[in-house]
PDB file of all heavy atoms in Angstrom:
ATOM      1  N   ILE A   1       5.038  -5.864  -4.255  1.00  0.00           N
ATOM      2  CA  ILE A   1       3.883  -5.022  -3.725  1.00  0.00           C
ATOM      3  C   ILE A   1       2.765  -5.569  -4.593  1.00  0.00           C
ATOM      4  O   ILE A   1       2.735  -5.417  -5.790  1.00  0.00           O
ATOM      5  CB  ILE A   1       4.207  -3.586  -4.016  1.00  0.00           C
ATOM      6  CG1 ILE A   1       5.573  -3.117  -3.402  1.00  0.00           C
ATOM      7  CG2 ILE A   1       3.088  -2.705  -3.488  1.00  0.00           C
ATOM      8  CD1 ILE A   1       5.518  -3.178  -1.817  1.00  0.00           C
ATOM      9  N   ASP A   2       1.806  -6.139  -3.860  1.00  0.00           N
ATOM     10  CA  ASP A   2       0.641  -6.863  -4.543  1.00  0.00           C
ATOM     11  C   ASP A   2      -0.558  -5.784  -4.729  1.00  0.00           C
ATOM     12  O   ASP A   2      -0.883  -5.115  -3.743  1.00  0.00           O
ATOM     13  CB  ASP A   2       0.237  -7.961  -3.662  1.00  0.00           C
ATOM     14  CG  ASP A   2      -0.779  -8.906  -4.364  1.00  0.00           C
ATOM     15  OD1 ASP A   2      -1.790  -8.441  -4.779  1.00  0.00           O
ATOM     16  OD2 ASP A   2      -0.480 -10.161  -4.355  1.00  0.00           O
ATOM     17  N   GLU A   3      -0.928  -5.670  -5.860  1.00  0.00           N
ATOM     18  CA  GLU A   3      -2.042  -4.650  -6.190  1.00  0.00           C
ATOM     19  C   GLU A   3      -3.373  -4.987  -5.418  1.00  0.00           C
ATOM     20  O   GLU A   3      -3.943  -4.035  -4.915  1.00  0.00           O
ATOM     21  CB  GLU A   3      -2.337  -4.624  -7.787  1.00  0.00           C
ATOM     22  CG  GLU A   3      -3.306  -3.469  -8.059  1.00  0.00           C
ATOM     23  CD  GLU A   3      -3.472  -3.329  -9.645  1.00  0.00           C
ATOM     24  OE1 GLU A   3      -3.264  -4.415 -10.302  1.00  0.00           O
ATOM     25  OE2 GLU A   3      -3.910  -2.317  -9.960  1.00  0.00           O
ATOM     26  N   ARG A   4      -3.558  -6.255  -5.260  1.00  0.00           N
ATOM     27  CA  ARG A   4      -4.755  -6.651  -4.418  1.00  0.00           C
ATOM     28  C   ARG A   4      -4.537  -6.229  -3.049  1.00  0.00           C
ATOM     29  O   ARG A   4      -5.581  -5.772  -2.365  1.00  0.00           O
ATOM     30  CB  ARG A   4      -4.958  -8.171  -4.467  1.00  0.00           C
ATOM     31  CG  ARG A   4      -5.203  -8.714  -5.865  1.00  0.00           C
ATOM     32  CD  ARG A   4      -4.958 -10.151  -5.946  1.00  0.00           C
ATOM     33  NE  ARG A   4      -3.688 -10.658  -5.428  1.00  0.00           N
ATOM     34  CZ  ARG A   4      -3.433 -11.964  -5.181  1.00  0.00           C
ATOM     35  NH1 ARG A   4      -4.271 -12.853  -5.416  1.00  0.00           N
ATOM     36  NH2 ARG A   4      -2.177 -12.233  -4.727  1.00  0.00           N
ATOM     37  N   VAL A   5      -3.450  -6.385  -2.460  1.00  0.00           N
ATOM     38  CA  VAL A   5      -3.138  -6.011  -1.012  1.00  0.00           C
ATOM     39  C   VAL A   5      -3.356  -4.537  -0.828  1.00  0.00           C
ATOM     40  O   VAL A   5      -4.095  -4.067   0.046  1.00  0.00           O
ATOM     41  CB  VAL A   5      -1.777  -6.531  -0.646  1.00  0.00           C
ATOM     42  CG1 VAL A   5      -1.369  -5.922   0.740  1.00  0.00           C
ATOM     43  CG2 VAL A   5      -1.789  -8.049  -0.516  1.00  0.00           C
ATOM     44  N   GLU A   6      -2.680  -3.750  -1.703  1.00  0.00           N
ATOM     45  CA  GLU A   6      -2.797  -2.248  -1.714  1.00  0.00           C
ATOM     46  C   GLU A   6      -4.315  -1.871  -1.885  1.00  0.00           C
ATOM     47  O   GLU A   6      -4.714  -0.933  -1.179  1.00  0.00           O
ATOM     48  CB  GLU A   6      -1.869  -1.590  -2.706  1.00  0.00           C
ATOM     49  CG  GLU A   6      -0.430  -1.889  -2.569  1.00  0.00           C
ATOM     50  CD  GLU A   6      -0.016  -1.470  -1.165  1.00  0.00           C
ATOM     51  OE1 GLU A   6      -0.120  -0.255  -0.789  1.00  0.00           O
ATOM     52  OE2 GLU A   6       0.456  -2.368  -0.363  1.00  0.00           O
ATOM     53  N   LEU A   7      -4.953  -2.414  -2.722  1.00  0.00           N
ATOM     54  CA  LEU A   7      -6.361  -2.070  -3.075  1.00  0.00           C
ATOM     55  C   LEU A   7      -7.139  -2.313  -1.816  1.00  0.00           C
ATOM     56  O   LEU A   7      -7.990  -1.384  -1.275  1.00  0.00           O
ATOM     57  CB  LEU A   7      -6.818  -2.932  -4.179  1.00  0.00           C
ATOM     58  CG  LEU A   7      -8.422  -2.768  -4.624  1.00  0.00           C
ATOM     59  CD1 LEU A   7      -8.721  -1.317  -4.904  1.00  0.00           C
ATOM     60  CD2 LEU A   7      -8.804  -3.701  -5.657  1.00  0.00           C
ATOM     61  N   PHE A   8      -7.169  -3.493  -1.238  1.00  0.00           N
ATOM     62  CA  PHE A   8      -7.989  -3.764  -0.058  1.00  0.00           C
ATOM     63  C   PHE A   8      -7.471  -2.935   1.250  1.00  0.00           C
ATOM     64  O   PHE A   8      -8.377  -2.450   2.001  1.00  0.00           O
ATOM     65  CB  PHE A   8      -7.973  -5.220   0.198  1.00  0.00           C
ATOM     66  CG  PHE A   8      -9.032  -6.105  -0.536  1.00  0.00           C
ATOM     67  CD1 PHE A   8      -8.906  -6.042  -1.956  1.00  0.00           C
ATOM     68  CD2 PHE A   8      -9.916  -6.825   0.093  1.00  0.00           C
ATOM     69  CE1 PHE A   8      -9.878  -6.657  -2.607  1.00  0.00           C
ATOM     70  CE2 PHE A   8     -10.876  -7.581  -0.562  1.00  0.00           C
ATOM     71  CZ  PHE A   8     -10.839  -7.512  -1.984  1.00  0.00           C
ATOM     72  N   SER A   9      -6.255  -2.817   1.319  1.00  0.00           N
ATOM     73  CA  SER A   9      -5.813  -1.967   2.482  1.00  0.00           C
ATOM     74  C   SER A   9      -6.341  -0.529   2.353  1.00  0.00           C
ATOM     75  O   SER A   9      -6.764   0.080   3.341  1.00  0.00           O
ATOM     76  CB  SER A   9      -4.200  -1.892   2.478  1.00  0.00           C
ATOM     77  OG  SER A   9      -3.721  -3.146   2.748  1.00  0.00           O
ATOM     78  N   ILE A  10      -6.281   0.023   1.176  1.00  0.00           N
ATOM     79  CA  ILE A  10      -6.767   1.486   0.996  1.00  0.00           C
ATOM     80  C   ILE A  10      -8.311   1.487   1.143  1.00  0.00           C
ATOM     81  O   ILE A  10      -8.781   2.418   1.914  1.00  0.00           O
ATOM     82  CB  ILE A  10      -6.423   1.960  -0.435  1.00  0.00           C
ATOM     83  CG1 ILE A  10      -4.857   2.180  -0.465  1.00  0.00           C
ATOM     84  CG2 ILE A  10      -7.087   3.189  -0.786  1.00  0.00           C
ATOM     85  CD1 ILE A  10      -4.250   2.500  -1.686  1.00  0.00           C
ATOM     86  N   ILE A  11      -8.936   0.503   0.750  1.00  0.00           N
ATOM     87  CA  ILE A  11     -10.502   0.568   0.854  1.00  0.00           C
ATOM     88  C   ILE A  11     -10.807   0.534   2.386  1.00  0.00           C
ATOM     89  O   ILE A  11     -11.590   1.321   2.888  1.00  0.00           O
ATOM     90  CB  ILE A  11     -11.167  -0.606   0.227  1.00  0.00           C
ATOM     91  CG1 ILE A  11     -11.167  -0.459  -1.326  1.00  0.00           C
ATOM     92  CG2 ILE A  11     -12.551  -0.914   0.779  1.00  0.00           C
ATOM     93  CD1 ILE A  11     -11.607  -1.579  -2.088  1.00  0.00           C
ATOM     94  N   PHE A  12     -10.199  -0.302   3.175  1.00  0.00           N
ATOM     95  CA  PHE A  12     -10.493  -0.294   4.641  1.00  0.00           C
ATOM     96  C   PHE A  12      -9.753   0.852   5.362  1.00  0.00           C
ATOM     97  O   PHE A  12     -10.226   1.149   6.473  1.00  0.00           O
ATOM     98  CB  PHE A  12     -10.122  -1.716   5.193  1.00  0.00           C
ATOM     99  CG  PHE A  12     -11.269  -2.720   4.885  1.00  0.00           C
ATOM    100  CD1 PHE A  12     -11.197  -3.396   3.700  1.00  0.00           C
ATOM    101  CD2 PHE A  12     -12.223  -2.866   5.796  1.00  0.00           C
ATOM    102  CE1 PHE A  12     -12.262  -4.313   3.473  1.00  0.00           C
ATOM    103  CE2 PHE A  12     -13.261  -3.846   5.547  1.00  0.00           C
ATOM    104  CZ  PHE A  12     -13.229  -4.479   4.424  1.00  0.00           C
ATOM    105  N   ARG A  13      -8.721   1.469   4.752  1.00  0.00           N
ATOM    106  CA  ARG A  13      -8.349   2.722   5.404  1.00  0.00           C
ATOM    107  C   ARG A  13      -9.414   3.780   5.325  1.00  0.00           C
ATOM    108  O   ARG A  13      -9.745   4.543   6.187  1.00  0.00           O
ATOM    109  CB  ARG A  13      -7.009   3.175   4.673  1.00  0.00           C
ATOM    110  CG  ARG A  13      -6.535   4.498   5.143  1.00  0.00           C
ATOM    111  CD  ARG A  13      -5.262   4.971   4.362  1.00  0.00           C
ATOM    112  NE  ARG A  13      -4.223   4.135   4.866  1.00  0.00           N
ATOM    113  CZ  ARG A  13      -3.539   4.465   6.109  1.00  0.00           C
ATOM    114  NH1 ARG A  13      -3.713   5.546   6.808  1.00  0.00           N
ATOM    115  NH2 ARG A  13      -2.475   3.820   6.437  1.00  0.00           N
ATOM    116  N   LEU A  14      -9.945   3.779   3.995  1.00  0.00           N
ATOM    117  CA  LEU A  14     -10.959   4.916   3.779  1.00  0.00           C
ATOM    118  C   LEU A  14     -12.236   4.653   4.567  1.00  0.00           C
ATOM    119  O   LEU A  14     -12.938   5.603   4.997  1.00  0.00           O
ATOM    120  CB  LEU A  14     -11.270   4.957   2.305  1.00  0.00           C
ATOM    121  CG  LEU A  14     -10.196   5.448   1.339  1.00  0.00           C
ATOM    122  CD1 LEU A  14     -10.606   5.318  -0.090  1.00  0.00           C
ATOM    123  CD2 LEU A  14      -9.662   6.765   1.742  1.00  0.00           C
ATOM    124  N   ALA A  15     -12.495   3.323   4.890  1.00  0.00           N
ATOM    125  CA  ALA A  15     -13.634   2.924   5.662  1.00  0.00           C
ATOM    126  C   ALA A  15     -13.439   3.189   7.180  1.00  0.00           C
ATOM    127  O   ALA A  15     -14.443   3.095   7.885  1.00  0.00           O
ATOM    128  CB  ALA A  15     -13.979   1.551   5.403  1.00  0.00           C
ATOM    129  N   GLY A  16     -12.176   3.513   7.507  1.00  0.00           N
ATOM    130  CA  GLY A  16     -11.862   3.835   8.957  1.00  0.00           C
ATOM    131  C   GLY A  16     -11.492   2.765   9.840  1.00  0.00           C
ATOM    132  O   GLY A  16     -11.334   2.964  11.082  1.00  0.00           O
ATOM    133  N   ASN A  17     -11.188   1.535   9.380  1.00  0.00           N
ATOM    134  CA  ASN A  17     -10.736   0.465  10.236  1.00  0.00           C
ATOM    135  C   ASN A  17      -9.418   0.982  10.941  1.00  0.00           C
ATOM    136  O   ASN A  17      -8.361   1.222  10.111  1.00  0.00           O
ATOM    137  CB  ASN A  17     -10.474  -0.831   9.501  1.00  0.00           C
ATOM    138  CG  ASN A  17     -11.836  -1.535   9.241  1.00  0.00           C
ATOM    139  OD1 ASN A  17     -12.761  -1.053   8.807  1.00  0.00           O
ATOM    140  ND2 ASN A  17     -11.810  -2.851   9.530  1.00  0.00           N
ATOM    141  N   PRO A  18      -9.371   0.894  12.178  1.00  0.00           N
ATOM    142  CA  PRO A  18      -8.017   1.391  12.873  1.00  0.00           C
ATOM    143  C   PRO A  18      -6.820   0.673  12.475  1.00  0.00           C
ATOM    144  O   PRO A  18      -5.738   1.242  12.294  1.00  0.00           O
ATOM    145  CB  PRO A  18      -8.295   1.102  14.348  1.00  0.00           C
ATOM    146  CG  PRO A  18      -9.820   1.095  14.389  1.00  0.00           C
ATOM    147  CD  PRO A  18     -10.300   0.610  13.180  1.00  0.00           C
ATOM    148  N   GLU A  19      -6.863  -0.731  12.260  1.00  0.00           N
ATOM    149  CA  GLU A  19      -5.758  -1.505  11.876  1.00  0.00           C
ATOM    150  C   GLU A  19      -5.247  -1.123  10.505  1.00  0.00           C
ATOM    151  O   GLU A  19      -4.046  -1.429  10.175  1.00  0.00           O
ATOM    152  CB  GLU A  19      -5.989  -2.914  11.951  1.00  0.00           C
ATOM    153  CG  GLU A  19      -6.936  -3.560  10.927  1.00  0.00           C
ATOM    154  CD  GLU A  19      -8.430  -3.409  11.316  1.00  0.00           C
ATOM    155  OE1 GLU A  19      -8.710  -2.578  12.228  1.00  0.00           O
ATOM    156  OE2 GLU A  19      -9.330  -4.055  10.629  1.00  0.00           O
ATOM    157  N   TYR A  20      -6.009  -0.491   9.728  1.00  0.00           N
ATOM    158  CA  TYR A  20      -5.650  -0.101   8.273  1.00  0.00           C
ATOM    159  C   TYR A  20      -5.420   1.433   8.224  1.00  0.00           C
ATOM    160  O   TYR A  20      -5.330   2.122   7.135  1.00  0.00           O
ATOM    161  CB  TYR A  20      -6.643  -0.524   7.251  1.00  0.00           C
ATOM    162  CG  TYR A  20      -6.593  -2.157   7.048  1.00  0.00           C
ATOM    163  CD1 TYR A  20      -7.406  -2.924   7.548  1.00  0.00           C
ATOM    164  CD2 TYR A  20      -5.462  -2.477   6.177  1.00  0.00           C
ATOM    165  CE1 TYR A  20      -7.287  -4.368   7.401  1.00  0.00           C
ATOM    166  CE2 TYR A  20      -5.458  -3.986   6.016  1.00  0.00           C
ATOM    167  CZ  TYR A  20      -6.342  -4.803   6.682  1.00  0.00           C
ATOM    168  OH  TYR A  20      -6.239  -6.090   6.395  1.00  0.00           O
ATOM    169  N   ASN A  21      -5.392   2.064   9.357  1.00  0.00           N
ATOM    170  CA  ASN A  21      -5.183   3.518   9.491  1.00  0.00           C
ATOM    171  C   ASN A  21      -3.930   4.025  10.299  1.00  0.00           C
ATOM    172  O   ASN A  21      -3.911   5.124  10.764  1.00  0.00           O
ATOM    173  CB  ASN A  21      -6.424   4.173  10.065  1.00  0.00           C
ATOM    174  CG  ASN A  21      -7.428   4.556   8.939  1.00  0.00           C
ATOM    175  OD1 ASN A  21      -7.284   5.622   8.288  1.00  0.00           O
ATOM    176  ND2 ASN A  21      -8.318   3.573   8.692  1.00  0.00           N
ATOM    177  N   MET A  22      -2.958   3.145  10.468  1.00  0.00           N
ATOM    178  CA  MET A  22      -1.674   3.647  11.036  1.00  0.00           C
ATOM    179  C   MET A  22      -1.010   4.585  10.085  1.00  0.00           C
ATOM    180  O   MET A  22      -1.143   4.542   8.947  1.00  0.00           O
ATOM    181  CB  MET A  22      -0.861   2.288  11.244  1.00  0.00           C
ATOM    182  CG  MET A  22      -1.385   1.378  12.193  1.00  0.00           C
ATOM    183  SD  MET A  22      -0.305  -0.053  12.665  1.00  0.00           S
ATOM    184  CE  MET A  22      -1.528  -1.355  12.892  1.00  0.00           C
ATOM    185  N   LYS A  23      -0.218   5.495  10.672  1.00  0.00           N
ATOM    186  CA  LYS A  23       0.162   6.634   9.952  1.00  0.00           C
ATOM    187  C   LYS A  23       1.723   6.557   9.809  1.00  0.00           C
ATOM    188  O   LYS A  23       2.314   7.722   9.697  1.00  0.00           O
ATOM    189  CB  LYS A  23      -0.211   7.870  10.722  1.00  0.00           C
ATOM    190  CG  LYS A  23      -1.800   8.044  10.712  1.00  0.00           C
ATOM    191  CD  LYS A  23      -2.214   9.259  11.430  1.00  0.00           C
ATOM    192  CE  LYS A  23      -3.681   9.524  11.158  1.00  0.00           C
ATOM    193  NZ  LYS A  23      -4.578   8.367  11.635  1.00  0.00           N
ATOM    194  N   PHE A  24       2.408   5.539   9.763  1.00  0.00           N
ATOM    195  CA  PHE A  24       3.833   5.478   9.726  1.00  0.00           C
ATOM    196  C   PHE A  24       4.274   5.958   8.376  1.00  0.00           C
ATOM    197  O   PHE A  24       5.243   6.636   8.213  1.00  0.00           O
ATOM    198  CB  PHE A  24       4.363   4.049   9.906  1.00  0.00           C
ATOM    199  CG  PHE A  24       3.979   3.547  11.358  1.00  0.00           C
ATOM    200  CD1 PHE A  24       3.006   2.655  11.601  1.00  0.00           C
ATOM    201  CD2 PHE A  24       4.880   3.988  12.400  1.00  0.00           C
ATOM    202  CE1 PHE A  24       2.764   2.177  12.839  1.00  0.00           C
ATOM    203  CE2 PHE A  24       4.603   3.549  13.718  1.00  0.00           C
ATOM    204  CZ  PHE A  24       3.524   2.659  13.997  1.00  0.00           C
ATOM    205  N   ALA A  25       3.687   5.544   7.336  1.00  0.00           N
ATOM    206  CA  ALA A  25       3.983   5.854   5.857  1.00  0.00           C
ATOM    207  C   ALA A  25       3.471   7.270   5.510  1.00  0.00           C
ATOM    208  O   ALA A  25       2.676   7.331   4.593  1.00  0.00           O
ATOM    209  CB  ALA A  25       3.598   4.810   4.912  1.00  0.00           C
ATOM    210  N   LYS A  26       4.013   8.341   6.131  1.00  0.00           N
ATOM    211  CA  LYS A  26       3.375   9.582   5.946  1.00  0.00           C
ATOM    212  C   LYS A  26       3.285  10.107   4.555  1.00  0.00           C
ATOM    213  O   LYS A  26       2.238  10.593   3.957  1.00  0.00           O
ATOM    214  CB  LYS A  26       4.142  10.594   6.847  1.00  0.00           C
ATOM    215  CG  LYS A  26       4.091  10.378   8.210  1.00  0.00           C
ATOM    216  CD  LYS A  26       4.801  11.359   9.093  1.00  0.00           C
ATOM    217  CE  LYS A  26       4.754  11.144  10.623  1.00  0.00           C
ATOM    218  NZ  LYS A  26       5.550  12.092  11.363  1.00  0.00           N
ATOM    219  N   HIS A  27       4.378   9.832   3.736  1.00  0.00           N
ATOM    220  CA  HIS A  27       4.367  10.492   2.342  1.00  0.00           C
ATOM    221  C   HIS A  27       3.314   9.617   1.437  1.00  0.00           C
ATOM    222  O   HIS A  27       2.656  10.170   0.706  1.00  0.00           O
ATOM    223  CB  HIS A  27       5.745  10.338   1.724  1.00  0.00           C
ATOM    224  CG  HIS A  27       6.642  11.279   2.393  1.00  0.00           C
ATOM    225  ND1 HIS A  27       7.236  11.082   3.609  1.00  0.00           N
ATOM    226  CD2 HIS A  27       7.285  12.484   1.889  1.00  0.00           C
ATOM    227  CE1 HIS A  27       8.035  12.107   3.934  1.00  0.00           C
ATOM    228  NE2 HIS A  27       8.159  12.912   2.922  1.00  0.00           N
ATOM    229  N   TYR A  28       3.428   8.267   1.689  1.00  0.00           N
ATOM    230  CA  TYR A  28       2.522   7.390   0.936  1.00  0.00           C
ATOM    231  C   TYR A  28       1.057   7.622   1.351  1.00  0.00           C
ATOM    232  O   TYR A  28       0.190   7.658   0.421  1.00  0.00           O
ATOM    233  CB  TYR A  28       2.860   5.934   1.175  1.00  0.00           C
ATOM    234  CG  TYR A  28       2.262   4.867   0.309  1.00  0.00           C
ATOM    235  CD1 TYR A  28       2.300   4.968  -1.064  1.00  0.00           C
ATOM    236  CD2 TYR A  28       1.624   3.849   0.876  1.00  0.00           C
ATOM    237  CE1 TYR A  28       1.657   3.957  -1.790  1.00  0.00           C
ATOM    238  CE2 TYR A  28       0.892   2.885   0.163  1.00  0.00           C
ATOM    239  CZ  TYR A  28       0.947   2.956  -1.198  1.00  0.00           C
ATOM    240  OH  TYR A  28       0.399   2.009  -2.075  1.00  0.00           O
ATOM    241  N   ILE A  29       0.721   7.824   2.521  1.00  0.00           N
ATOM    242  CA  ILE A  29      -0.633   8.108   2.937  1.00  0.00           C
ATOM    243  C   ILE A  29      -1.051   9.414   2.474  1.00  0.00           C
ATOM    244  O   ILE A  29      -2.224   9.512   2.094  1.00  0.00           O
ATOM    245  CB  ILE A  29      -0.607   8.039   4.531  1.00  0.00           C
ATOM    246  CG1 ILE A  29      -0.455   6.616   5.041  1.00  0.00           C
ATOM    247  CG2 ILE A  29      -1.976   8.564   4.985  1.00  0.00           C
ATOM    248  CD1 ILE A  29      -0.130   6.523   6.529  1.00  0.00           C
ATOM    249  N   ALA A  30      -0.229  10.357   2.353  1.00  0.00           N
ATOM    250  CA  ALA A  30      -0.581  11.639   1.821  1.00  0.00           C
ATOM    251  C   ALA A  30      -0.980  11.520   0.302  1.00  0.00           C
ATOM    252  O   ALA A  30      -1.928  12.083  -0.149  1.00  0.00           O
ATOM    253  CB  ALA A  30       0.578  12.625   1.775  1.00  0.00           C
TER     254      ALA A  30
END
């Protein structure tokens, strides 16, 4: 689990990019 990957994924999740806003990992996303 690469810290850089998680960091950038979360930034673009918060920015609203649809491809980074899938909701499969419900607990982790919470």
